[in-house]
């Protein structure tokens, strides 16, 4: 059988790794021209009961712990005046959800695959027919199973579902801070080794320590999806919105290195399901896009693990897809219901 995965993110690569562990050939197609074509994003925590479980099945858990930052589990909650309200310091040996940079996780998974497993610079245009992929360069690929691991704006999803992501009304504006111990010592002290956040009911500042002495800040607000791209004075509007907040917190808005990155939040309808087709399925954000509240990559990797194991243990592709979807779809619906208004929850004082 031939298996084609669209998307070389954590979900697609985890699925490919576990398939290869079971001797099943697979090809991954990704639109990036090469692995280092773009920044992979900030840090994420891998949970013991999903992301870590998938890495254990992939034979990569020890390598993960060699890169992970258990100290990144530290969490500080502040009020807008900068006063500390709550502080979680991880216990010695606590490994429930250590942090790892997205780029490091992707590199770990890529290095574990056989050479030439990933074909770079291959942008899918559409699934043209059952088992037929058409790429934007005009080339086609015939395959027995198509796995859509291609994220929020999946090109595979239309083969099973007409659903499209919808804006949830909340946007993240990302700011970067480099060499923070030397260039931004006050911010480094405020954030600590993990994360720090403050909210006033209408807006939120959320800062995360990354590896390499780097911090990313997410400025969270209820705004139109395109507000930051409408030619407005972004920093001026932010300072107006956060007027009255502590100067120590306002550094997250004013002292960033480089431009802001606008990240409006989208989600798929809840629940998102589809009629079973034996030749195509979805995993991760392609299947169940939710607000970014710590479960996205973990669920994607768990999806990938369960799909790969179903393919290794079933008599046919159709049976394997059915077994996988019978577990994945109800689980993702449950999580999506719990997180449906989760982005709004980030703004809550409590």
Protein backbone atom coordinates (compact mmCIF):
# COMPACT_ATOMS: atom_id res chain seq x y z
CA UNK A 1 0.00 0.00 0.00
CA UNK A 2 1.06 3.60 -0.57
CA UNK A 3 0.38 6.18 2.13
CA UNK A 4 0.71 9.92 1.55
CA UNK A 5 0.74 12.46 4.38
CA UNK A 6 0.16 16.11 3.54
CA UNK A 7 1.95 18.37 6.02
CA UNK A 8 5.29 18.01 7.82
CA UNK A 9 4.17 19.39 11.17
CA UNK A 10 4.37 17.48 14.45
CA UNK A 11 1.26 15.41 13.64
CA UNK A 12 2.27 14.38 10.14
CA UNK A 13 5.86 13.61 11.14
CA UNK A 14 4.81 11.60 14.21
CA UNK A 15 2.51 9.50 12.05
CA UNK A 16 5.29 8.91 9.51
CA UNK A 17 7.79 7.94 12.21
CA UNK A 18 5.52 5.36 13.83
CA UNK A 19 4.53 3.91 10.45
CA UNK A 20 8.21 3.46 9.61
CA UNK A 21 8.78 1.88 13.02
CA UNK A 22 6.29 -0.78 11.88
CA UNK A 23 7.88 -1.23 8.47
CA UNK A 24 5.17 0.64 6.55
CA UNK A 25 6.43 2.93 3.75
CA UNK A 26 5.11 6.49 3.72
CA UNK A 27 5.76 9.77 1.91
CA UNK A 28 5.22 13.20 3.45
CA UNK A 29 4.58 16.23 1.22
CA UNK A 30 5.12 19.76 2.51
CA UNK A 31 4.83 23.15 0.85
CA UNK A 32 7.94 24.62 2.54
CA UNK A 33 10.90 24.63 0.14
CA UNK A 34 13.19 23.24 2.85
CA UNK A 35 13.04 22.49 6.59
CA UNK A 36 14.44 25.89 7.65
CA UNK A 37 12.26 27.97 5.32
CA UNK A 38 10.30 29.66 8.12
CA UNK A 39 10.20 30.04 11.85
CA UNK A 40 8.19 27.20 13.40
CA UNK A 41 6.69 29.27 16.21
CA UNK A 42 7.09 29.43 19.96
CA UNK A 43 7.21 26.91 22.74
CA UNK A 44 4.69 24.20 23.61
CA UNK A 45 4.16 21.75 26.43
CA UNK A 46 3.89 18.04 25.68
CA UNK A 47 1.60 16.23 28.10
CA UNK A 48 2.35 12.85 29.58
CA UNK A 49 -0.98 11.35 28.45
CA UNK A 50 -0.92 12.37 24.78
CA UNK A 51 2.14 14.10 23.29
CA UNK A 52 4.61 12.14 25.40
CA UNK A 53 2.66 8.94 24.84
CA UNK A 54 3.06 9.41 21.07
CA UNK A 55 6.79 10.06 21.41
CA UNK A 56 7.16 6.92 23.51
CA UNK A 57 5.48 4.90 20.76
CA UNK A 58 7.80 6.59 18.25
CA UNK A 59 10.87 5.58 20.30
CA UNK A 60 11.84 9.23 20.84
CA UNK A 61 10.94 9.95 24.45
CA UNK A 62 14.52 9.99 25.75
CA UNK A 63 15.57 12.33 22.95
CA UNK A 64 12.64 14.58 23.82
CA UNK A 65 13.62 14.82 27.49
CA UNK A 66 17.18 15.70 26.44
CA UNK A 67 15.79 18.81 24.69
CA UNK A 68 12.79 19.64 26.90
CA UNK A 69 12.71 22.27 29.63
CA UNK A 70 10.97 21.02 32.79
CA UNK A 71 11.58 24.43 34.37
CA UNK A 72 9.30 25.84 31.66
CA UNK A 73 6.33 24.49 33.64
CA UNK A 74 6.67 27.47 35.98
CA UNK A 75 3.60 29.75 35.74
CA UNK A 76 3.02 33.23 37.18
CA UNK A 77 -0.33 35.03 37.31
CA UNK A 78 -0.16 38.82 37.75
CA UNK A 79 -2.69 41.61 37.98
CA UNK A 80 -2.47 44.68 35.69
CA UNK A 81 -0.49 46.49 38.40
CA UNK A 82 2.20 43.80 38.15
CA UNK A 83 1.42 42.23 41.54
CA UNK A 84 1.90 38.48 41.78
CA UNK A 85 -1.41 36.69 42.35
CA UNK A 86 -0.40 33.05 41.90
CA UNK A 87 2.83 31.20 41.25
CA UNK A 88 3.34 27.57 40.27
CA UNK A 89 6.91 26.30 40.61
CA UNK A 90 7.36 22.75 39.27
CA UNK A 91 8.56 20.21 41.78
CA UNK A 92 11.92 18.57 41.27
CA UNK A 93 11.47 15.80 38.70
CA UNK A 94 8.03 17.05 37.60
CA UNK A 95 7.59 15.99 33.96
CA UNK A 96 3.84 16.20 33.42
CA UNK A 97 4.15 18.81 30.64
CA UNK A 98 7.70 20.08 30.04
CA UNK A 99 8.21 22.72 27.37
CA UNK A 100 10.01 22.36 24.05
CA UNK A 101 10.40 24.78 21.15
CA UNK A 102 8.31 23.85 18.13
CA UNK A 103 11.38 23.99 15.91
CA UNK A 104 13.27 21.60 18.17
CA UNK A 105 10.37 19.14 18.19
CA UNK A 106 10.09 19.27 14.41
CA UNK A 107 13.84 18.74 14.04
CA UNK A 108 13.73 15.75 16.39
CA UNK A 109 10.98 14.13 14.34
CA UNK A 110 12.59 14.93 10.98
CA UNK A 111 15.92 13.46 12.03
CA UNK A 112 14.19 10.21 13.01
CA UNK A 113 12.79 9.55 9.53
CA UNK A 114 14.40 7.66 6.69
CA UNK A 115 16.14 9.83 4.08
CA UNK A 116 13.83 11.45 1.52
CA UNK A 117 10.68 10.61 3.46
CA UNK A 118 9.67 14.27 3.20
CA UNK A 119 9.32 15.86 -0.23
CA UNK A 120 9.79 19.60 0.20
CA UNK A 121 8.36 22.33 -1.99
CA UNK A 122 5.24 20.29 -2.81
CA UNK A 123 2.12 22.41 -2.35
CA UNK A 124 -1.11 20.46 -2.64
CA UNK A 125 -3.72 22.13 -4.82
CA UNK A 126 -6.54 19.65 -4.19
CA UNK A 127 -7.57 16.06 -3.81
CA UNK A 128 -8.76 15.58 -7.36
CA UNK A 129 -10.37 12.15 -6.96
CA UNK A 130 -10.18 9.19 -4.57
CA UNK A 131 -6.49 8.44 -4.21
CA UNK A 132 -5.35 11.22 -6.56
CA UNK A 133 -3.37 14.26 -5.37
CA UNK A 134 -2.86 17.26 -7.63
CA UNK A 135 -0.08 19.69 -6.72
CA UNK A 136 0.21 23.34 -7.71
CA UNK A 137 3.05 22.53 -10.12
CA UNK A 138 0.62 20.41 -12.13
CA UNK A 139 2.04 17.06 -11.06
CA UNK A 140 -0.25 14.32 -9.74
CA UNK A 141 0.38 11.44 -7.35
CA UNK A 142 -1.73 8.31 -7.03
CA UNK A 143 -1.91 6.84 -3.54
CA UNK A 144 -3.95 4.34 -1.58
CA UNK A 145 -4.44 6.53 1.51
CA UNK A 146 -4.35 10.30 1.92
CA UNK A 147 -3.76 11.68 5.42
CA UNK A 148 -4.48 15.37 5.82
CA UNK A 149 -2.10 16.75 8.45
CA UNK A 150 -1.99 20.15 6.79
CA UNK A 151 -3.39 22.38 9.51
CA UNK A 152 -6.11 24.98 9.80
CA UNK A 153 -6.50 25.70 6.09
CA UNK A 154 -6.20 22.08 5.00
CA UNK A 155 -6.36 21.31 1.28
CA UNK A 156 -7.32 17.72 2.12
CA UNK A 157 -10.32 18.60 4.32
CA UNK A 158 -12.67 19.41 1.39
CA UNK A 159 -12.45 15.75 0.35
CA UNK A 160 -14.46 14.80 3.46
CA UNK A 161 -16.05 18.00 4.77
CA UNK A 162 -17.33 21.39 3.63
CA UNK A 163 -16.51 22.95 7.01
CA UNK A 164 -14.20 25.98 7.09
CA UNK A 165 -12.59 27.68 10.11
CA UNK A 166 -14.39 30.71 11.53
CA UNK A 167 -12.90 33.66 13.41
CA UNK A 168 -13.61 33.36 17.16
CA UNK A 169 -13.50 37.11 17.86
CA UNK A 170 -10.17 37.11 19.71
CA UNK A 171 -6.77 37.87 18.23
CA UNK A 172 -3.20 37.25 19.36
CA UNK A 173 -0.56 39.82 18.47
CA UNK A 174 2.87 38.25 18.87
CA UNK A 175 5.97 40.15 19.99
CA UNK A 176 9.53 38.76 20.18
CA UNK A 177 12.30 39.54 22.65
CA UNK A 178 15.87 38.35 22.05
CA UNK A 179 18.87 37.99 24.40
CA UNK A 180 16.55 38.80 27.27
CA UNK A 181 19.03 38.40 30.13
CA UNK A 182 21.17 41.17 28.66
CA UNK A 183 18.80 43.24 26.53
CA UNK A 184 15.58 42.85 28.56
CA UNK A 185 16.58 41.91 32.13
CA UNK A 186 13.43 43.36 33.73
CA UNK A 187 11.20 41.28 31.45
CA UNK A 188 13.33 38.19 32.05
CA UNK A 189 12.91 38.62 35.81
CA UNK A 190 9.15 39.21 35.47
CA UNK A 191 8.52 36.10 33.34
CA UNK A 192 10.87 33.68 35.10
CA UNK A 193 11.69 30.32 33.52
CA UNK A 194 8.21 29.53 32.22
CA UNK A 195 5.18 31.71 31.54
CA UNK A 196 3.60 34.83 33.02
CA UNK A 197 0.21 36.34 32.29
CA UNK A 198 -2.04 39.18 33.36
CA UNK A 199 -5.66 39.97 32.38
CA UNK A 200 -8.29 42.58 33.22
CA UNK A 201 -11.42 41.02 31.69
CA UNK A 202 -11.01 42.69 28.30
CA UNK A 203 -7.40 42.09 27.38
CA UNK A 204 -4.45 39.89 28.36
CA UNK A 205 -0.68 39.77 28.14
CA UNK A 206 0.80 36.28 28.01
CA UNK A 207 4.58 35.80 27.96
CA UNK A 208 6.45 32.53 27.42
CA UNK A 209 10.12 31.76 27.85
CA UNK A 210 11.61 29.92 24.86
CA UNK A 211 15.03 28.33 24.55
CA UNK A 212 18.00 30.40 23.47
CA UNK A 213 17.28 33.27 25.90
CA UNK A 214 14.18 34.22 23.92
CA UNK A 215 10.70 35.31 25.09
CA UNK A 216 7.51 35.52 23.05
CA UNK A 217 4.63 37.67 24.21
CA UNK A 218 1.05 37.27 23.02
CA UNK A 219 -1.13 40.38 23.31
CA UNK A 220 -4.69 39.06 23.50
CA UNK A 221 -7.75 41.21 22.69
CA UNK A 222 -11.26 41.09 21.26
CA UNK A 223 -10.71 42.79 17.91
CA UNK A 224 -11.74 42.47 14.26
CA UNK A 225 -9.64 39.83 12.55
CA UNK A 226 -7.84 42.31 10.29
CA UNK A 227 -7.37 45.22 12.70
CA UNK A 228 -3.55 45.14 12.75
CA UNK A 229 -3.34 45.13 8.96
CA UNK A 230 -5.57 48.11 8.36
CA UNK A 231 -2.79 50.73 8.37
CA UNK A 232 -3.38 51.80 11.96
CA UNK A 233 -0.76 52.80 14.52
CA UNK A 234 -0.57 49.39 16.18
CA UNK A 235 1.62 50.35 19.12
CA UNK A 236 -0.35 53.52 19.75
CA UNK A 237 -3.63 51.61 19.82
CA UNK A 238 -2.14 48.99 22.13
CA UNK A 239 -0.88 51.61 24.60
CA UNK A 240 -4.29 53.23 24.58
CA UNK A 241 -6.02 49.89 25.21
CA UNK A 242 -3.62 48.99 28.03
CA UNK A 243 -3.45 52.45 29.59
CA UNK A 244 -3.22 52.24 33.35
CA UNK A 245 -1.31 48.95 33.33
CA UNK A 246 1.99 48.67 35.17
CA UNK A 247 5.07 50.00 33.30
CA UNK A 248 6.74 46.65 33.94
CA UNK A 249 3.97 44.90 31.97
CA UNK A 250 3.84 47.56 29.25
CA UNK A 251 7.41 46.58 28.32
CA UNK A 252 5.79 43.55 26.69
CA UNK A 253 4.17 46.00 24.25
CA UNK A 254 6.86 48.63 23.73
CA UNK A 255 10.26 46.92 23.97
CA UNK A 256 9.90 44.09 21.44
CA UNK A 257 12.63 43.31 18.90
CA UNK A 258 11.21 43.54 15.39
CA UNK A 259 7.61 43.84 14.17
CA UNK A 260 4.46 42.46 15.71
CA UNK A 261 2.96 39.32 14.14
CA UNK A 262 -0.84 39.27 13.87
CA UNK A 263 -2.43 35.90 14.67
CA UNK A 264 -6.25 36.05 14.68
CA UNK A 265 -7.76 32.87 16.14
CA UNK A 266 -9.94 30.56 14.08
CA UNK A 267 -11.77 27.35 14.98
CA UNK A 268 -13.75 24.67 13.19
CA UNK A 269 -17.44 24.14 13.99
CA UNK A 270 -18.19 22.00 17.05
CA UNK A 271 -18.49 19.09 16.58
CA UNK A 272 -16.68 18.60 13.29
CA UNK A 273 -17.40 15.16 11.83
CA UNK A 274 -17.64 13.60 8.40
CA UNK A 275 -18.80 10.47 6.62
CA UNK A 276 -16.18 7.73 6.64
CA UNK A 277 -14.20 7.27 3.44
CA UNK A 278 -11.67 4.42 3.38
CA UNK A 279 -9.08 6.31 1.31
CA UNK A 280 -8.75 9.60 3.19
CA UNK A 281 -8.71 10.94 6.75
CA UNK A 282 -7.56 13.94 8.77
CA UNK A 283 -5.57 14.55 11.94
CA UNK A 284 -4.67 17.50 14.13
CA UNK A 285 -5.87 20.98 13.19
CA UNK A 286 -7.10 19.73 9.82
CA UNK A 287 -9.62 17.61 11.74
CA UNK A 288 -10.37 19.70 14.84
CA UNK A 289 -8.96 23.23 14.85
CA UNK A 290 -9.44 24.75 18.33
CA UNK A 291 -8.18 27.83 20.20
CA UNK A 292 -4.47 27.51 21.13
CA UNK A 293 -4.85 26.51 24.77
CA UNK A 294 -2.25 23.78 25.14
CA UNK A 295 -3.99 20.83 23.50
CA UNK A 296 -3.50 21.33 19.73
CA UNK A 297 -0.13 19.70 19.15
CA UNK A 298 -0.75 17.14 21.88
CA UNK A 299 -3.99 15.99 20.22
CA UNK A 300 -2.37 16.03 16.78
CA UNK A 301 0.41 13.73 17.97
CA UNK A 302 -2.05 11.43 19.74
CA UNK A 303 -4.15 11.31 16.55
CA UNK A 304 -1.02 10.46 14.57
CA UNK A 305 -0.01 7.71 16.98
CA UNK A 306 -3.43 6.06 17.00
CA UNK A 307 -3.81 6.26 13.22
CA UNK A 308 -0.37 4.75 12.62
CA UNK A 309 -1.04 1.91 15.08
CA UNK A 310 -4.44 1.26 13.48
CA UNK A 311 -2.77 1.04 10.07
CA UNK A 312 -0.16 -1.36 11.45
CA UNK A 313 -2.74 -3.59 13.11
CA UNK A 314 -5.68 -3.72 10.70
CA UNK A 315 -6.44 -5.97 7.76
CA UNK A 316 -7.20 -3.11 5.37
CA UNK A 317 -6.80 0.64 5.02
CA UNK A 318 -10.54 1.19 5.28
CA UNK A 319 -10.74 -0.80 8.49
CA UNK A 320 -7.81 1.11 9.97
CA UNK A 321 -9.33 4.50 9.10
CA UNK A 322 -12.65 3.42 10.61
CA UNK A 323 -11.02 2.26 13.85
CA UNK A 324 -9.06 5.50 14.13
CA UNK A 325 -11.98 7.81 13.42
CA UNK A 326 -14.25 5.95 15.84
CA UNK A 327 -11.94 7.09 18.65
CA UNK A 328 -10.60 10.39 17.32
CA UNK A 329 -13.87 12.07 16.33
CA UNK A 330 -15.67 11.70 19.70
CA UNK A 331 -12.52 12.69 21.61
CA UNK A 332 -11.92 15.80 19.51
CA UNK A 333 -15.58 16.80 19.81
CA UNK A 334 -15.35 16.56 23.60
CA UNK A 335 -12.23 18.72 23.73
CA UNK A 336 -13.68 21.21 21.24
CA UNK A 337 -16.80 21.66 23.35
CA UNK A 338 -14.72 22.28 26.46
CA UNK A 339 -12.52 24.82 24.66
CA UNK A 340 -15.19 26.43 22.47
CA UNK A 341 -15.01 29.75 24.33
CA UNK A 342 -11.55 29.17 25.72
CA UNK A 343 -9.97 32.14 23.97
CA UNK A 344 -12.43 34.39 25.80
CA UNK A 345 -11.37 32.70 29.03
CA UNK A 346 -7.83 34.01 28.61
CA UNK A 347 -9.20 37.50 29.18
CA UNK A 348 -10.90 36.63 32.48
CA UNK A 349 -9.44 38.06 35.64
CA UNK A 350 -10.08 34.72 37.40
